[in-house]
Every structure is written in C-alpha cells, then in structure tokens.
Amino acid sequence: MRRFGYELTGAGRPPAGDFMRYTYVQETRTLLRRAQRLKDRWDRQREPNPVAAQLSSGRFAAGS
C-alpha cells in the first residue's frame, strides 16, 4: 500500500472470523452476479424477434 501513497494505520490483520465473513459475502455476491448474467444471456437468446419483424404485411405500419 505504501507503494501507492497510502499510509498504514497499524491496525494489523483482521480477526479470522471477520475475514471469513468477508470471504463468504464476497463469494456469495460473485455467484449471484454470475447467475444473473447467465440468466440474462439465457433470456436474450430465447426472446422473440423484434416487434416490427412480427407485423404481418404492414397491418400496423400504416398507423405510424
């Protein structure tokens, strides 16, 4: 940290319980982000074509 201009506070290492809690929360959030990205990708690949492509022979095109 000193290499980057930060001063150390002298607090030392966190207790093992705090470190384990941090690690658990970090991994949980990482897994949730990955699951959300996978779900989004899954949904994008299975969504129908754009609405304009589903119109039949200008049925609604005249009104716009």
Protein backbone atom coordinates (compact mmCIF):
# COMPACT_ATOMS: atom_id res chain seq x y z
CA MET A 1 0.00 0.00 0.00
CA ARG A 2 2.86 2.36 0.69
CA ARG A 3 3.95 1.98 -2.94
CA PHE A 4 0.68 3.63 -3.96
CA GLY A 5 0.93 6.52 -1.49
CA TYR A 6 -1.25 5.12 1.32
CA GLU A 7 -0.18 5.28 4.93
CA LEU A 8 -0.70 2.16 7.00
CA THR A 9 -2.86 2.59 10.09
CA GLY A 10 -1.13 -0.05 12.17
CA ALA A 11 -4.38 -1.92 12.72
CA GLY A 12 -2.85 -5.24 11.79
CA ARG A 13 -4.68 -8.20 10.36
CA PRO A 14 -8.42 -8.58 10.86
CA PRO A 15 -9.67 -11.38 13.11
CA ALA A 16 -10.17 -14.71 11.34
CA GLY A 17 -13.95 -14.58 11.83
CA ASP A 18 -14.22 -11.18 10.15
CA PHE A 19 -12.06 -12.35 7.27
CA MET A 20 -14.17 -15.50 6.81
CA ARG A 21 -17.38 -13.44 6.89
CA TYR A 22 -15.94 -11.08 4.26
CA THR A 23 -14.88 -14.01 2.08
CA TYR A 24 -18.34 -15.60 2.37
CA VAL A 25 -20.13 -12.39 1.40
CA GLN A 26 -17.73 -11.77 -1.47
CA GLU A 27 -18.21 -15.27 -2.90
CA THR A 28 -21.99 -15.09 -2.46
CA ARG A 29 -22.16 -11.80 -4.36
CA THR A 30 -19.86 -13.12 -7.08
CA LEU A 31 -22.02 -16.20 -7.57
CA LEU A 32 -25.20 -14.11 -7.66
CA ARG A 33 -23.69 -11.79 -10.29
CA ARG A 34 -22.63 -14.77 -12.41
CA ALA A 35 -26.07 -16.36 -12.08
CA GLN A 36 -27.76 -13.09 -13.09
CA ARG A 37 -25.51 -12.71 -16.13
CA LEU A 38 -26.22 -16.30 -17.15
CA LYS A 39 -29.97 -15.76 -16.74
CA ASP A 40 -29.81 -12.54 -18.77
CA ARG A 41 -27.89 -14.30 -21.55
CA TRP A 42 -30.36 -17.19 -21.48
CA ASP A 43 -33.31 -14.78 -21.70
CA ARG A 44 -31.71 -12.76 -24.53
CA GLN A 45 -31.13 -15.87 -26.62
CA ARG A 46 -34.71 -17.02 -26.18
CA GLU A 47 -36.58 -13.75 -26.59
CA PRO A 48 -38.69 -13.34 -29.73
CA ASN A 49 -37.61 -11.27 -32.67
CA PRO A 50 -38.19 -7.51 -32.58
CA VAL A 51 -41.84 -6.47 -32.68
CA ALA A 52 -41.50 -4.83 -36.12
CA ALA A 53 -40.44 -8.17 -37.59
CA GLN A 54 -43.60 -9.83 -36.23
CA LEU A 55 -46.02 -7.48 -38.00
CA SER A 56 -47.83 -9.03 -40.93
CA SER A 57 -47.85 -7.19 -44.28
CA GLY A 58 -47.99 -3.63 -42.89
CA ARG A 59 -51.06 -4.17 -40.76
CA PHE A 60 -49.91 -1.70 -38.13
CA ALA A 61 -47.35 0.14 -40.23
CA ALA A 62 -49.99 2.45 -41.74
CA GLY A 63 -50.89 3.89 -38.34
CA SER A 64 -47.38 5.06 -37.51
